[in-house]
Amino acid sequence: MVCNDGMATMIHRTTFALDSDTMRRLKKLALRWQVSQAEVVRRALTQVESLPDTQPLDVLARLKSYHAASTLDASEADAYLAQARADRKRWRRP
């Protein structure tokens, strides 16, 4: 962001896709706060960044916890993977 005469000038533009519900919520907040949709996104980012990082990103620990919490036994997992492989082969055929 660059400031000229006390006014902020945005120097980066971006495009992203949102589902209908998220877009509705974004527009609703912009209307309630009487600001642009971009300002809603900026405020949301500022607020989230100020939250304490209570869950450090430890991918391996998360993966282990997912495995520990799983109720899927090995034979069910093997059957699922076999079905996924068969489906992929069918989808890739011209």
C-alpha atoms as a PDB file:
ATOM      1  CA  MET A   1       0.000   0.000   0.000  1.00  0.00           C
ATOM      2  CA  VAL A   2       1.298   3.449  -0.926  1.00  0.00           C
ATOM      3  CA  CYS A   3       0.074   6.656   0.711  1.00  0.00           C
ATOM      4  CA  ASN A   4      -0.454   9.831  -1.303  1.00  0.00           C
ATOM      5  CA  ASP A   5      -1.848  12.930   0.412  1.00  0.00           C
ATOM      6  CA  GLY A   6      -2.982  10.804   3.349  1.00  0.00           C
ATOM      7  CA  MET A   7      -5.015   8.469   1.124  1.00  0.00           C
ATOM      8  CA  ALA A   8      -4.004   4.848   0.664  1.00  0.00           C
ATOM      9  CA  THR A   9      -3.432   3.707  -2.908  1.00  0.00           C
ATOM     10  CA  MET A  10      -3.625  -0.004  -3.508  1.00  0.00           C
ATOM     11  CA  ILE A  11      -0.888  -1.320  -5.782  1.00  0.00           C
ATOM     12  CA  HIS A  12      -1.836  -5.031  -5.941  1.00  0.00           C
ATOM     13  CA  ARG A  13      -4.950  -6.447  -7.525  1.00  0.00           C
ATOM     14  CA  THR A  14      -6.007 -10.070  -7.274  1.00  0.00           C
ATOM     15  CA  THR A  15      -8.827 -12.319  -8.366  1.00  0.00           C
ATOM     16  CA  PHE A  16     -10.142 -15.356  -6.552  1.00  0.00           C
ATOM     17  CA  ALA A  17     -13.251 -17.511  -6.707  1.00  0.00           C
ATOM     18  CA  LEU A  18     -15.740 -17.740  -3.832  1.00  0.00           C
ATOM     19  CA  ASP A  19     -18.756 -19.953  -3.377  1.00  0.00           C
ATOM     20  CA  SER A  20     -22.177 -18.294  -3.298  1.00  0.00           C
ATOM     21  CA  ASP A  21     -22.547 -18.388   0.478  1.00  0.00           C
ATOM     22  CA  THR A  22     -19.130 -16.827   1.098  1.00  0.00           C
ATOM     23  CA  MET A  23     -19.854 -14.116  -1.466  1.00  0.00           C
ATOM     24  CA  ARG A  24     -23.190 -13.374   0.203  1.00  0.00           C
ATOM     25  CA  ARG A  25     -21.468 -13.093   3.586  1.00  0.00           C
ATOM     26  CA  LEU A  26     -18.741 -10.846   2.177  1.00  0.00           C
ATOM     27  CA  LYS A  27     -21.285  -8.492   0.613  1.00  0.00           C
ATOM     28  CA  LYS A  28     -23.356  -8.481   3.809  1.00  0.00           C
ATOM     29  CA  LEU A  29     -20.350  -7.460   5.912  1.00  0.00           C
ATOM     30  CA  ALA A  30     -19.321  -4.802   3.398  1.00  0.00           C
ATOM     31  CA  LEU A  31     -22.813  -3.342   3.552  1.00  0.00           C
ATOM     32  CA  ARG A  32     -22.969  -3.525   7.358  1.00  0.00           C
ATOM     33  CA  TRP A  33     -19.566  -1.900   7.790  1.00  0.00           C
ATOM     34  CA  GLN A  34     -20.137   0.468   4.859  1.00  0.00           C
ATOM     35  CA  VAL A  35     -16.799  -0.402   3.287  1.00  0.00           C
ATOM     36  CA  SER A  36     -15.629  -2.151   0.131  1.00  0.00           C
ATOM     37  CA  GLN A  37     -15.411  -5.910  -0.131  1.00  0.00           C
ATOM     38  CA  ALA A  38     -11.624  -5.537  -0.341  1.00  0.00           C
ATOM     39  CA  GLU A  39     -11.653  -3.665   2.977  1.00  0.00           C
ATOM     40  CA  VAL A  40     -13.629  -6.521   4.561  1.00  0.00           C
ATOM     41  CA  VAL A  41     -10.934  -8.951   3.407  1.00  0.00           C
ATOM     42  CA  ARG A  42      -8.150  -6.653   4.702  1.00  0.00           C
ATOM     43  CA  ARG A  43      -9.852  -6.344   8.105  1.00  0.00           C
ATOM     44  CA  ALA A  44     -10.438 -10.084   8.326  1.00  0.00           C
ATOM     45  CA  LEU A  45      -6.763 -10.780   7.574  1.00  0.00           C
ATOM     46  CA  THR A  46      -5.641  -8.249  10.174  1.00  0.00           C
ATOM     47  CA  GLN A  47      -7.926  -9.773  12.789  1.00  0.00           C
ATOM     48  CA  VAL A  48      -6.879 -13.368  12.092  1.00  0.00           C
ATOM     49  CA  GLU A  49      -3.188 -12.464  12.110  1.00  0.00           C
ATOM     50  CA  SER A  50      -3.594 -10.917  15.555  1.00  0.00           C
ATOM     51  CA  LEU A  51      -4.930 -14.178  17.042  1.00  0.00           C
ATOM     52  CA  PRO A  52      -2.501 -16.305  19.016  1.00  0.00           C
ATOM     53  CA  ASP A  53      -1.121 -19.242  17.055  1.00  0.00           C
ATOM     54  CA  THR A  54      -2.557 -21.976  19.232  1.00  0.00           C
ATOM     55  CA  GLN A  55      -1.953 -24.789  16.759  1.00  0.00           C
ATOM     56  CA  PRO A  56       1.511 -24.745  15.260  1.00  0.00           C
ATOM     57  CA  LEU A  57       1.675 -26.374  11.876  1.00  0.00           C
ATOM     58  CA  ASP A  58       3.132 -29.776  12.645  1.00  0.00           C
ATOM     59  CA  VAL A  59       1.997 -31.857   9.711  1.00  0.00           C
ATOM     60  CA  LEU A  60       3.479 -35.112  10.959  1.00  0.00           C
ATOM     61  CA  ALA A  61       1.821 -34.767  14.377  1.00  0.00           C
ATOM     62  CA  ARG A  62      -1.532 -34.047  12.714  1.00  0.00           C
ATOM     63  CA  LEU A  63      -1.176 -37.049  10.423  1.00  0.00           C
ATOM     64  CA  LYS A  64      -0.399 -39.286  13.395  1.00  0.00           C
ATOM     65  CA  SER A  65      -3.443 -37.963  15.270  1.00  0.00           C
ATOM     66  CA  TYR A  66      -5.661 -38.643  12.230  1.00  0.00           C
ATOM     67  CA  HIS A  67      -4.362 -42.201  12.086  1.00  0.00           C
ATOM     68  CA  ALA A  68      -4.873 -42.688  15.824  1.00  0.00           C
ATOM     69  CA  ALA A  69      -8.449 -41.404  15.636  1.00  0.00           C
ATOM     70  CA  SER A  70      -9.360 -43.526  12.605  1.00  0.00           C
ATOM     71  CA  THR A  71     -11.901 -46.312  12.944  1.00  0.00           C
ATOM     72  CA  LEU A  72     -11.045 -47.725   9.515  1.00  0.00           C
ATOM     73  CA  ASP A  73      -9.363 -51.124   9.707  1.00  0.00           C
ATOM     74  CA  ALA A  74      -6.716 -52.324   7.252  1.00  0.00           C
ATOM     75  CA  SER A  75      -9.055 -54.499   5.169  1.00  0.00           C
ATOM     76  CA  GLU A  76     -11.535 -51.629   4.748  1.00  0.00           C
ATOM     77  CA  ALA A  77      -8.702 -49.302   3.761  1.00  0.00           C
ATOM     78  CA  ASP A  78      -7.400 -51.813   1.219  1.00  0.00           C
ATOM     79  CA  ALA A  79     -10.890 -52.224  -0.261  1.00  0.00           C
ATOM     80  CA  TYR A  80     -11.282 -48.451  -0.522  1.00  0.00           C
ATOM     81  CA  LEU A  81      -7.916 -48.054  -2.252  1.00  0.00           C
ATOM     82  CA  ALA A  82      -8.709 -50.886  -4.679  1.00  0.00           C
ATOM     83  CA  GLN A  83     -12.005 -49.212  -5.556  1.00  0.00           C
ATOM     84  CA  ALA A  84     -10.284 -45.847  -6.039  1.00  0.00           C
ATOM     85  CA  ARG A  85      -7.705 -47.419  -8.374  1.00  0.00           C
ATOM     86  CA  ALA A  86     -10.429 -49.142 -10.401  1.00  0.00           C
ATOM     87  CA  ASP A  87     -12.409 -45.899 -10.646  1.00  0.00           C
ATOM     88  CA  ARG A  88      -9.329 -43.974 -11.809  1.00  0.00           C
ATOM     89  CA  LYS A  89      -8.626 -46.546 -14.525  1.00  0.00           C
ATOM     90  CA  ARG A  90     -12.252 -46.279 -15.739  1.00  0.00           C
ATOM     91  CA  TRP A  91     -12.191 -42.467 -15.751  1.00  0.00           C
ATOM     92  CA  ARG A  92      -8.942 -42.317 -17.737  1.00  0.00           C
ATOM     93  CA  ARG A  93     -10.178 -44.532 -20.541  1.00  0.00           C
ATOM     94  CA  PRO A  94     -11.033 -42.533 -23.671  1.00  0.00           C
END
